Amino acid sequence: MTQRIPLQDLTSDAAVEHHSPQAKTTGRSPSTSGHIYVREIQGFFQRIRRYSNWLLIALVTGVTFVGYVTPVGGLVRDLFSLEAHPWALFWIGFFTLFTYLNAGWLRHQVCLHMCPYARFQSAMFDSHTLIVSYDSARGEPRRGHRKEVAEAAAGDCIDCELCVQVCPTGIDIRDGAYR
C-alpha cells in the first residue's frame, strides 16, 4: 500500500517545519532566566533555517540561469576563486534576489497575480475537457450547520470550506472557475 503525501509536505518549508503533536507540547517550559521560552528560541532557529533554505535555492537558481549563457564549470570555479566577472555577479545577484523574493516571500501574490496558468487555462477548454469543479446541482443547498435546511432537501456540500483552505490562492471553487 502506498502512502499519500500531501502537496504542502513536498515544499522546502515542510523539511524545516515539524507540525507533529509532540512538537506542540515540547518547549513550553521557561528557561532558567524565566524570560525566554525554549519554544521561541526553537522558532527563531527554525525561521533561520527556512530563510537559509530559500536563499540557497535562490542562489542555485541564479547560478543556473547565468549558466545558460556562460559555461557552468568555469562560472562555479570563478565564483569559488572570487574571480567571477562583474556582469556574471550582477546577474547571479539579480536572479537570486528576485527568486528569493518571489518564491520565498511573495508566494501567494505571485501565484494569484502573475501565474500564467490561470490566464491561458480558460483558452484551453472545450466541450470535451475534463475538469475538477463543483457540481452545484449535487452540492446545493449547502447543509452546513443550519437547522432550516431539511436533511432530505440538503445537498452533499457540508460547507466545511476545506476546498478553500487547501487552495494556495484561496479560491472558492463553489463560486465557479472564474471568481
N, C-alpha and C. Protein backbone atom coordinates (compact mmCIF):
# COMPACT_ATOMS: atom_id res chain seq x y z
N MET A 1 0.84 -1.18 0.00
CA MET A 1 0.00 0.00 0.00
C MET A 1 0.89 1.24 0.00
N THR A 2 0.63 2.17 -0.90
CA THR A 2 1.43 3.38 -0.99
C THR A 2 0.87 4.43 -0.05
N GLN A 3 1.77 5.28 0.42
CA GLN A 3 1.37 6.34 1.34
C GLN A 3 1.20 7.63 0.54
N ARG A 4 0.10 8.32 0.76
CA ARG A 4 -0.15 9.58 0.09
C ARG A 4 0.55 10.70 0.85
N ILE A 5 1.27 11.55 0.11
CA ILE A 5 1.96 12.68 0.70
C ILE A 5 1.23 13.94 0.26
N PRO A 6 0.75 14.75 1.20
CA PRO A 6 0.09 15.99 0.81
C PRO A 6 1.06 16.90 0.07
N LEU A 7 0.54 17.71 -0.86
CA LEU A 7 1.37 18.57 -1.69
C LEU A 7 2.17 19.55 -0.85
N GLN A 8 1.60 20.06 0.23
CA GLN A 8 2.32 21.03 1.04
C GLN A 8 3.50 20.40 1.76
N ASP A 9 3.56 19.07 1.89
CA ASP A 9 4.69 18.41 2.53
C ASP A 9 5.87 18.26 1.59
N LEU A 10 5.70 18.59 0.31
CA LEU A 10 6.79 18.47 -0.65
C LEU A 10 7.58 19.76 -0.79
N THR A 11 7.22 20.80 -0.07
CA THR A 11 7.92 22.07 -0.17
C THR A 11 9.15 22.07 0.71
N SER A 12 10.01 23.06 0.47
CA SER A 12 11.22 23.16 1.28
C SER A 12 10.88 23.56 2.72
N ASP A 13 9.76 24.24 2.91
CA ASP A 13 9.36 24.62 4.27
C ASP A 13 8.98 23.41 5.09
N ALA A 14 8.39 22.40 4.47
CA ALA A 14 7.98 21.20 5.20
C ALA A 14 9.18 20.43 5.72
N ALA A 15 10.32 20.58 5.06
CA ALA A 15 11.53 19.91 5.54
C ALA A 15 12.05 20.57 6.80
N VAL A 16 11.74 21.84 7.00
CA VAL A 16 12.23 22.58 8.16
C VAL A 16 11.22 22.55 9.30
N GLU A 17 9.95 22.74 8.97
CA GLU A 17 8.91 22.83 9.98
C GLU A 17 8.36 21.45 10.29
N HIS A 18 8.22 21.17 11.57
CA HIS A 18 7.67 19.89 12.00
C HIS A 18 6.40 20.16 12.78
N HIS A 19 5.26 19.76 12.22
CA HIS A 19 3.97 20.00 12.86
C HIS A 19 3.41 18.71 13.43
N SER A 20 4.11 18.16 14.37
CA SER A 20 3.64 16.93 14.99
C SER A 20 3.02 17.25 16.34
N PRO A 21 2.18 16.37 16.86
CA PRO A 21 1.60 16.62 18.18
C PRO A 21 2.67 16.74 19.26
N GLN A 22 3.77 16.01 19.12
CA GLN A 22 4.84 16.10 20.12
C GLN A 22 5.50 17.46 20.08
N ALA A 23 5.61 18.07 18.88
CA ALA A 23 6.25 19.37 18.77
C ALA A 23 5.43 20.46 19.45
N LYS A 24 4.11 20.26 19.52
CA LYS A 24 3.27 21.26 20.16
C LYS A 24 3.41 21.24 21.67
N THR A 25 3.76 20.10 22.24
CA THR A 25 3.84 20.01 23.69
C THR A 25 5.24 20.26 24.23
N THR A 26 6.26 20.18 23.37
CA THR A 26 7.62 20.39 23.85
C THR A 26 7.96 21.86 23.83
N GLY A 27 8.87 22.25 24.70
CA GLY A 27 9.39 23.60 24.70
C GLY A 27 8.50 24.63 25.34
N ARG A 28 7.58 24.25 26.18
CA ARG A 28 6.70 25.22 26.81
C ARG A 28 7.20 25.68 28.17
N SER A 29 8.25 25.07 28.64
CA SER A 29 8.75 25.47 29.94
C SER A 29 9.72 26.64 29.78
N PRO A 30 9.69 27.60 30.72
CA PRO A 30 10.59 28.74 30.59
C PRO A 30 12.04 28.30 30.85
N SER A 31 12.94 29.07 30.29
CA SER A 31 14.35 28.77 30.51
C SER A 31 14.75 29.20 31.92
N THR A 32 16.03 29.09 32.24
CA THR A 32 16.48 29.40 33.59
C THR A 32 16.30 30.87 33.93
N SER A 33 16.38 31.75 32.92
CA SER A 33 16.21 33.17 33.22
C SER A 33 14.75 33.54 33.42
N GLY A 34 13.83 32.72 32.93
CA GLY A 34 12.42 32.99 33.11
C GLY A 34 11.83 33.94 32.10
N HIS A 35 12.63 34.51 31.21
CA HIS A 35 12.11 35.47 30.25
C HIS A 35 11.98 34.90 28.84
N ILE A 36 12.86 34.03 28.49
CA ILE A 36 12.87 33.49 27.14
C ILE A 36 12.40 32.04 27.18
N TYR A 37 11.45 31.74 26.34
CA TYR A 37 10.94 30.39 26.29
C TYR A 37 11.70 29.58 25.26
N VAL A 38 11.85 28.32 25.53
CA VAL A 38 12.58 27.43 24.64
C VAL A 38 11.88 27.36 23.29
N ARG A 39 10.58 27.39 23.30
CA ARG A 39 9.82 27.32 22.05
C ARG A 39 10.11 28.52 21.15
N GLU A 40 10.27 29.70 21.74
CA GLU A 40 10.58 30.89 20.95
C GLU A 40 11.97 30.78 20.34
N ILE A 41 12.90 30.23 21.07
CA ILE A 41 14.25 30.05 20.55
C ILE A 41 14.24 29.03 19.42
N GLN A 42 13.50 27.95 19.62
CA GLN A 42 13.39 26.94 18.56
C GLN A 42 12.73 27.54 17.32
N GLY A 43 11.72 28.37 17.51
CA GLY A 43 11.06 29.02 16.38
C GLY A 43 12.00 29.97 15.65
N PHE A 44 12.86 30.65 16.40
CA PHE A 44 13.83 31.55 15.79
C PHE A 44 14.79 30.78 14.90
N PHE A 45 15.34 29.68 15.40
CA PHE A 45 16.26 28.88 14.60
C PHE A 45 15.56 28.20 13.43
N GLN A 46 14.29 27.88 13.62
CA GLN A 46 13.51 27.30 12.53
C GLN A 46 13.33 28.31 11.40
N ARG A 47 13.08 29.58 11.74
CA ARG A 47 12.97 30.62 10.73
C ARG A 47 14.31 30.85 10.03
N ILE A 48 15.39 30.82 10.78
CA ILE A 48 16.72 30.99 10.18
C ILE A 48 16.97 29.86 9.17
N ARG A 49 16.63 28.63 9.54
CA ARG A 49 16.82 27.51 8.61
C ARG A 49 15.92 27.67 7.38
N ARG A 50 14.68 28.11 7.57
CA ARG A 50 13.76 28.29 6.45
C ARG A 50 14.29 29.35 5.48
N TYR A 51 14.71 30.50 6.00
CA TYR A 51 15.22 31.56 5.13
C TYR A 51 16.53 31.15 4.48
N SER A 52 17.34 30.37 5.17
CA SER A 52 18.59 29.88 4.57
C SER A 52 18.29 28.92 3.43
N ASN A 53 17.29 28.07 3.60
CA ASN A 53 16.89 27.17 2.51
C ASN A 53 16.40 27.97 1.30
N TRP A 54 15.57 28.99 1.55
CA TRP A 54 15.09 29.81 0.44
C TRP A 54 16.26 30.48 -0.27
N LEU A 55 17.20 31.00 0.49
CA LEU A 55 18.35 31.69 -0.10
C LEU A 55 19.23 30.72 -0.88
N LEU A 56 19.42 29.52 -0.39
CA LEU A 56 20.22 28.53 -1.10
C LEU A 56 19.55 28.13 -2.41
N ILE A 57 18.25 27.90 -2.37
CA ILE A 57 17.52 27.56 -3.60
C ILE A 57 17.59 28.72 -4.59
N ALA A 58 17.46 29.95 -4.10
CA ALA A 58 17.53 31.12 -4.97
C ALA A 58 18.92 31.26 -5.57
N LEU A 59 19.97 30.99 -4.80
CA LEU A 59 21.34 31.09 -5.30
C LEU A 59 21.59 30.04 -6.38
N VAL A 60 21.14 28.83 -6.17
CA VAL A 60 21.29 27.78 -7.18
C VAL A 60 20.53 28.18 -8.44
N THR A 61 19.34 28.77 -8.27
CA THR A 61 18.58 29.23 -9.43
C THR A 61 19.33 30.33 -10.17
N GLY A 62 19.91 31.28 -9.46
CA GLY A 62 20.68 32.36 -10.09
C GLY A 62 21.87 31.84 -10.86
N VAL A 63 22.62 30.93 -10.27
CA VAL A 63 23.79 30.35 -10.96
C VAL A 63 23.33 29.54 -12.16
N THR A 64 22.21 28.84 -12.05
CA THR A 64 21.70 28.05 -13.18
C THR A 64 21.29 28.95 -14.33
N PHE A 65 20.59 30.04 -14.04
CA PHE A 65 20.17 30.95 -15.11
C PHE A 65 21.37 31.58 -15.81
N VAL A 66 22.37 32.01 -15.05
CA VAL A 66 23.56 32.58 -15.66
C VAL A 66 24.34 31.49 -16.39
N GLY A 67 24.23 30.26 -15.94
CA GLY A 67 24.89 29.14 -16.59
C GLY A 67 24.35 28.84 -17.97
N TYR A 68 23.19 29.38 -18.33
CA TYR A 68 22.68 29.20 -19.68
C TYR A 68 23.49 29.98 -20.72
N VAL A 69 24.14 31.07 -20.31
CA VAL A 69 24.90 31.90 -21.25
C VAL A 69 26.40 31.85 -20.98
N THR A 70 26.80 31.23 -19.89
CA THR A 70 28.20 31.09 -19.52
C THR A 70 28.46 29.63 -19.19
N PRO A 71 29.60 29.08 -19.54
CA PRO A 71 29.88 27.70 -19.14
C PRO A 71 29.83 27.54 -17.62
N VAL A 72 29.01 26.62 -17.16
CA VAL A 72 28.75 26.48 -15.73
C VAL A 72 30.01 26.08 -14.96
N GLY A 73 30.80 25.16 -15.53
CA GLY A 73 32.01 24.73 -14.84
C GLY A 73 32.94 25.88 -14.56
N GLY A 74 33.16 26.72 -15.57
CA GLY A 74 34.03 27.89 -15.38
C GLY A 74 33.41 28.91 -14.45
N LEU A 75 32.10 29.06 -14.52
CA LEU A 75 31.41 30.02 -13.65
C LEU A 75 31.52 29.63 -12.18
N VAL A 76 31.28 28.38 -11.87
CA VAL A 76 31.37 27.91 -10.48
C VAL A 76 32.81 28.00 -9.99
N ARG A 77 33.77 27.64 -10.86
CA ARG A 77 35.18 27.75 -10.48
C ARG A 77 35.55 29.21 -10.20
N ASP A 78 35.08 30.12 -11.05
CA ASP A 78 35.37 31.55 -10.84
C ASP A 78 34.69 32.08 -9.59
N LEU A 79 33.51 31.58 -9.27
CA LEU A 79 32.82 32.03 -8.05
C LEU A 79 33.60 31.60 -6.81
N PHE A 80 34.07 30.35 -6.79
CA PHE A 80 34.82 29.87 -5.62
C PHE A 80 36.19 30.51 -5.50
N SER A 81 36.80 30.89 -6.62
CA SER A 81 38.11 31.54 -6.56
C SER A 81 37.99 33.06 -6.49
N LEU A 82 36.76 33.57 -6.44
CA LEU A 82 36.45 35.00 -6.34
C LEU A 82 37.00 35.79 -7.52
N GLU A 83 36.98 35.18 -8.71
CA GLU A 83 37.45 35.84 -9.93
C GLU A 83 36.34 35.95 -10.97
N ALA A 84 35.09 35.91 -10.54
CA ALA A 84 33.97 35.96 -11.48
C ALA A 84 33.85 37.35 -12.07
N HIS A 85 33.38 37.40 -13.30
CA HIS A 85 33.18 38.66 -14.00
C HIS A 85 32.09 39.47 -13.29
N PRO A 86 32.24 40.80 -13.23
CA PRO A 86 31.22 41.62 -12.54
C PRO A 86 29.82 41.46 -13.11
N TRP A 87 29.69 41.30 -14.44
CA TRP A 87 28.36 41.11 -15.01
C TRP A 87 27.76 39.78 -14.58
N ALA A 88 28.58 38.75 -14.48
CA ALA A 88 28.08 37.45 -14.01
C ALA A 88 27.61 37.58 -12.57
N LEU A 89 28.37 38.30 -11.74
CA LEU A 89 27.96 38.50 -10.34
C LEU A 89 26.67 39.31 -10.26
N PHE A 90 26.54 40.33 -11.13
CA PHE A 90 25.33 41.14 -11.13
C PHE A 90 24.11 40.27 -11.45
N TRP A 91 24.20 39.45 -12.52
CA TRP A 91 23.05 38.67 -12.93
C TRP A 91 22.76 37.54 -11.94
N ILE A 92 23.78 36.96 -11.35
CA ILE A 92 23.54 35.95 -10.31
C ILE A 92 22.83 36.60 -9.13
N GLY A 93 23.29 37.78 -8.73
CA GLY A 93 22.63 38.50 -7.64
C GLY A 93 21.21 38.89 -7.98
N PHE A 94 20.98 39.34 -9.23
CA PHE A 94 19.65 39.73 -9.68
C PHE A 94 18.69 38.55 -9.61
N PHE A 95 19.08 37.42 -10.22
CA PHE A 95 18.20 36.25 -10.22
C PHE A 95 18.03 35.67 -8.82
N THR A 96 19.08 35.72 -8.02
CA THR A 96 18.98 35.22 -6.64
C THR A 96 18.01 36.08 -5.84
N LEU A 97 18.15 37.39 -5.94
CA LEU A 97 17.27 38.29 -5.19
C LEU A 97 15.81 38.12 -5.57
N PHE A 98 15.53 38.11 -6.87
CA PHE A 98 14.13 38.03 -7.28
C PHE A 98 13.54 36.64 -7.10
N THR A 99 14.35 35.61 -7.19
CA THR A 99 13.84 34.28 -6.87
C THR A 99 13.54 34.19 -5.39
N TYR A 100 14.42 34.74 -4.56
CA TYR A 100 14.20 34.74 -3.11
C TYR A 100 12.93 35.50 -2.75
N LEU A 101 12.75 36.67 -3.34
CA LEU A 101 11.56 37.47 -3.04
C LEU A 101 10.28 36.80 -3.56
N ASN A 102 10.30 36.36 -4.82
CA ASN A 102 9.08 35.81 -5.43
C ASN A 102 8.71 34.45 -4.87
N ALA A 103 9.68 33.58 -4.69
CA ALA A 103 9.37 32.22 -4.22
C ALA A 103 9.32 32.13 -2.70
N GLY A 104 10.05 32.98 -2.01
CA GLY A 104 10.11 32.89 -0.57
C GLY A 104 9.12 33.78 0.15
N TRP A 105 9.01 35.02 -0.27
CA TRP A 105 8.19 35.98 0.46
C TRP A 105 6.85 36.26 -0.21
N LEU A 106 6.82 36.27 -1.52
CA LEU A 106 5.60 36.69 -2.22
C LEU A 106 4.89 35.53 -2.91
N ARG A 107 4.98 34.35 -2.33
CA ARG A 107 4.42 33.16 -2.98
C ARG A 107 2.95 33.32 -3.31
N HIS A 108 2.18 33.76 -2.38
CA HIS A 108 0.73 33.88 -2.58
C HIS A 108 0.43 34.92 -3.67
N GLN A 109 1.10 36.07 -3.61
CA GLN A 109 0.84 37.12 -4.57
C GLN A 109 1.28 36.72 -5.98
N VAL A 110 2.42 36.02 -6.09
CA VAL A 110 2.89 35.57 -7.40
C VAL A 110 1.90 34.57 -7.98
N CYS A 111 1.45 33.64 -7.16
CA CYS A 111 0.50 32.64 -7.64
C CYS A 111 -0.82 33.27 -8.05
N LEU A 112 -1.26 34.25 -7.31
CA LEU A 112 -2.56 34.88 -7.56
C LEU A 112 -2.53 35.82 -8.76
N HIS A 113 -1.46 36.62 -8.90
CA HIS A 113 -1.46 37.67 -9.90
C HIS A 113 -0.56 37.42 -11.11
N MET A 114 0.51 36.65 -10.95
CA MET A 114 1.47 36.51 -12.03
C MET A 114 1.50 35.14 -12.71
N CYS A 115 0.85 34.16 -12.14
CA CYS A 115 0.90 32.81 -12.69
C CYS A 115 0.21 32.78 -14.06
N PRO A 116 0.93 32.38 -15.10
CA PRO A 116 0.30 32.37 -16.43
C PRO A 116 -0.69 31.23 -16.62
N TYR A 117 -0.64 30.22 -15.77
CA TYR A 117 -1.54 29.07 -15.95
C TYR A 117 -3.01 29.50 -15.88
N ALA A 118 -3.33 30.35 -14.93
CA ALA A 118 -4.72 30.79 -14.79
C ALA A 118 -5.15 31.63 -15.99
N ARG A 119 -4.20 32.31 -16.60
CA ARG A 119 -4.54 33.18 -17.74
C ARG A 119 -4.87 32.38 -18.99
N PHE A 120 -4.09 31.34 -19.28
CA PHE A 120 -4.34 30.60 -20.52
C PHE A 120 -5.18 29.35 -20.30
N GLN A 121 -5.52 29.04 -19.07
CA GLN A 121 -6.32 27.85 -18.80
C GLN A 121 -7.70 27.94 -19.46
N SER A 122 -8.31 29.11 -19.40
CA SER A 122 -9.65 29.25 -19.98
C SER A 122 -9.62 29.10 -21.50
N ALA A 123 -8.52 29.42 -22.14
CA ALA A 123 -8.43 29.27 -23.59
C ALA A 123 -8.25 27.82 -24.00
N MET A 124 -7.89 26.96 -23.07
CA MET A 124 -7.64 25.55 -23.37
C MET A 124 -8.87 24.67 -23.18
N PHE A 125 -10.00 25.23 -22.75
CA PHE A 125 -11.21 24.44 -22.52
C PHE A 125 -11.99 24.26 -23.82
N ASP A 126 -12.59 23.10 -23.96
CA ASP A 126 -13.58 22.87 -24.99
C ASP A 126 -14.67 21.99 -24.39
N SER A 127 -15.58 21.52 -25.20
CA SER A 127 -16.72 20.76 -24.66
C SER A 127 -16.32 19.38 -24.16
N HIS A 128 -15.13 18.88 -24.51
CA HIS A 128 -14.69 17.55 -24.10
C HIS A 128 -13.63 17.57 -22.99
N THR A 129 -13.32 18.73 -22.47
CA THR A 129 -12.29 18.86 -21.44
C THR A 129 -12.81 18.35 -20.11
N LEU A 130 -12.03 17.49 -19.48
CA LEU A 130 -12.37 17.01 -18.15
C LEU A 130 -11.81 17.99 -17.13
N ILE A 131 -12.65 18.49 -16.25
CA ILE A 131 -12.20 19.44 -15.24
C ILE A 131 -12.73 19.00 -13.87
N VAL A 132 -12.00 19.39 -12.86
CA VAL A 132 -12.45 19.18 -11.49
C VAL A 132 -13.15 20.45 -11.07
N SER A 133 -14.42 20.35 -10.79
CA SER A 133 -15.18 21.54 -10.43
C SER A 133 -16.29 21.16 -9.45
N TYR A 134 -16.92 22.17 -8.95
CA TYR A 134 -18.01 22.00 -8.00
C TYR A 134 -19.29 21.78 -8.77
N ASP A 135 -20.02 20.74 -8.43
CA ASP A 135 -21.30 20.44 -9.06
C ASP A 135 -22.40 21.05 -8.21
N SER A 136 -22.87 22.20 -8.62
CA SER A 136 -23.87 22.90 -7.81
C SER A 136 -25.19 22.15 -7.75
N ALA A 137 -25.51 21.37 -8.77
CA ALA A 137 -26.74 20.59 -8.73
C ALA A 137 -26.69 19.52 -7.65
N ARG A 138 -25.50 19.02 -7.38
CA ARG A 138 -25.35 17.99 -6.36
C ARG A 138 -25.11 18.60 -4.97
N GLY A 139 -24.39 19.71 -4.90
CA GLY A 139 -23.98 20.24 -3.60
C GLY A 139 -24.93 21.23 -2.97
N GLU A 140 -25.77 21.89 -3.75
CA GLU A 140 -26.64 22.93 -3.21
C GLU A 140 -28.01 22.36 -2.87
N PRO A 141 -28.71 22.86 -1.92
CA PRO A 141 -28.28 23.84 -0.93
C PRO A 141 -27.31 23.21 0.07
N ARG A 142 -26.37 24.00 0.49
CA ARG A 142 -25.35 23.50 1.41
C ARG A 142 -25.97 23.19 2.76
N ARG A 143 -25.53 22.07 3.31
CA ARG A 143 -26.09 21.64 4.60
C ARG A 143 -25.53 22.49 5.73
N GLY A 144 -24.23 22.48 5.88
CA GLY A 144 -23.60 23.26 6.94
C GLY A 144 -24.16 22.92 8.30
N HIS A 145 -24.26 23.93 9.12
CA HIS A 145 -24.78 23.76 10.48
C HIS A 145 -26.13 24.44 10.63
N ARG A 146 -26.76 24.70 9.48
CA ARG A 146 -28.04 25.39 9.53
C ARG A 146 -29.16 24.39 9.81
N LYS A 147 -30.05 24.77 10.66
CA LYS A 147 -31.17 23.89 11.02
C LYS A 147 -32.34 24.05 10.05
N GLU A 148 -32.41 25.19 9.33
CA GLU A 148 -33.58 25.43 8.50
C GLU A 148 -33.60 24.59 7.22
N VAL A 149 -32.45 24.05 6.81
CA VAL A 149 -32.42 23.20 5.62
C VAL A 149 -32.73 21.78 6.03
N ALA A 150 -33.79 21.22 5.48
CA ALA A 150 -34.17 19.85 5.81
C ALA A 150 -33.14 18.88 5.25
N GLU A 151 -32.95 17.78 5.93
CA GLU A 151 -31.97 16.79 5.50
C GLU A 151 -32.29 16.23 4.12
N ALA A 152 -33.54 16.05 3.81
CA ALA A 152 -33.91 15.48 2.52
C ALA A 152 -33.64 16.46 1.38
N ALA A 153 -33.78 17.75 1.63
CA ALA A 153 -33.59 18.75 0.60
C ALA A 153 -32.14 19.23 0.51
N ALA A 154 -31.31 18.88 1.47
CA ALA A 154 -29.94 19.38 1.52
C ALA A 154 -29.07 18.66 0.50
N GLY A 155 -28.09 19.40 -0.03
CA GLY A 155 -27.13 18.82 -0.97
C GLY A 155 -25.99 18.14 -0.23
N ASP A 156 -24.98 17.69 -0.99
CA ASP A 156 -23.86 16.96 -0.40
C ASP A 156 -22.81 17.87 0.21
N CYS A 157 -22.77 19.14 -0.16
CA CYS A 157 -21.77 20.05 0.38
C CYS A 157 -22.12 20.36 1.84
N ILE A 158 -21.17 20.15 2.73
CA ILE A 158 -21.42 20.41 4.15
C ILE A 158 -20.86 21.76 4.58
N ASP A 159 -20.37 22.55 3.62
CA ASP A 159 -19.91 23.91 3.87
C ASP A 159 -18.78 23.96 4.90
N CYS A 160 -17.85 23.01 4.79
CA CYS A 160 -16.72 22.97 5.72
C CYS A 160 -15.60 23.91 5.29
N GLU A 161 -15.65 24.42 4.06
CA GLU A 161 -14.68 25.33 3.46
C GLU A 161 -13.28 24.72 3.37
N LEU A 162 -13.17 23.41 3.39
CA LEU A 162 -11.89 22.75 3.22
C LEU A 162 -11.33 22.99 1.82
N CYS A 163 -12.21 23.09 0.83
CA CYS A 163 -11.75 23.33 -0.54
C CYS A 163 -11.07 24.70 -0.65
N VAL A 164 -11.51 25.67 0.13
CA VAL A 164 -10.89 26.99 0.12
C VAL A 164 -9.57 26.95 0.87
N GLN A 165 -9.49 26.19 1.94
CA GLN A 165 -8.29 26.14 2.76
C GLN A 165 -7.12 25.48 2.04
N VAL A 166 -7.39 24.48 1.20
CA VAL A 166 -6.30 23.78 0.52
C VAL A 166 -5.83 24.51 -0.73
N CYS A 167 -6.59 25.45 -1.23
CA CYS A 167 -6.18 26.22 -2.41
C CYS A 167 -5.15 27.26 -1.99
N PRO A 168 -3.98 27.30 -2.62
CA PRO A 168 -2.95 28.26 -2.19
C PRO A 168 -3.36 29.71 -2.43
N THR A 169 -4.30 29.96 -3.34
CA THR A 169 -4.73 31.33 -3.58
C THR A 169 -6.05 31.66 -2.90
N GLY A 170 -6.66 30.69 -2.23
CA GLY A 170 -7.90 30.94 -1.51
C GLY A 170 -9.13 31.03 -2.38
N ILE A 171 -9.09 30.42 -3.55
CA ILE A 171 -10.24 30.46 -4.47
C ILE A 171 -11.30 29.49 -3.97
N ASP A 172 -12.51 29.95 -3.92
CA ASP A 172 -13.64 29.11 -3.53
C ASP A 172 -14.23 28.51 -4.80
N ILE A 173 -14.00 27.21 -5.04
CA ILE A 173 -14.44 26.60 -6.29
C ILE A 173 -15.96 26.55 -6.38
N ARG A 174 -16.64 26.76 -5.27
CA ARG A 174 -18.09 26.74 -5.30
C ARG A 174 -18.65 27.97 -5.98
N ASP A 175 -17.83 29.01 -6.15
CA ASP A 175 -18.26 30.23 -6.83
C ASP A 175 -18.01 30.17 -8.33
N GLY A 176 -17.43 29.09 -8.83
CA GLY A 176 -17.14 28.94 -10.24
C GLY A 176 -15.65 29.00 -10.51
N ALA A 177 -15.27 28.68 -11.75
CA ALA A 177 -13.85 28.64 -12.11
C ALA A 177 -13.26 30.04 -12.21
N TYR A 178 -14.09 31.02 -12.48
CA TYR A 178 -13.60 32.40 -12.64
C TYR A 178 -14.23 33.24 -11.54
N ARG A 179 -13.58 33.43 -10.48
CA ARG A 179 -14.05 34.19 -9.34
C ARG A 179 -15.15 35.12 -9.69
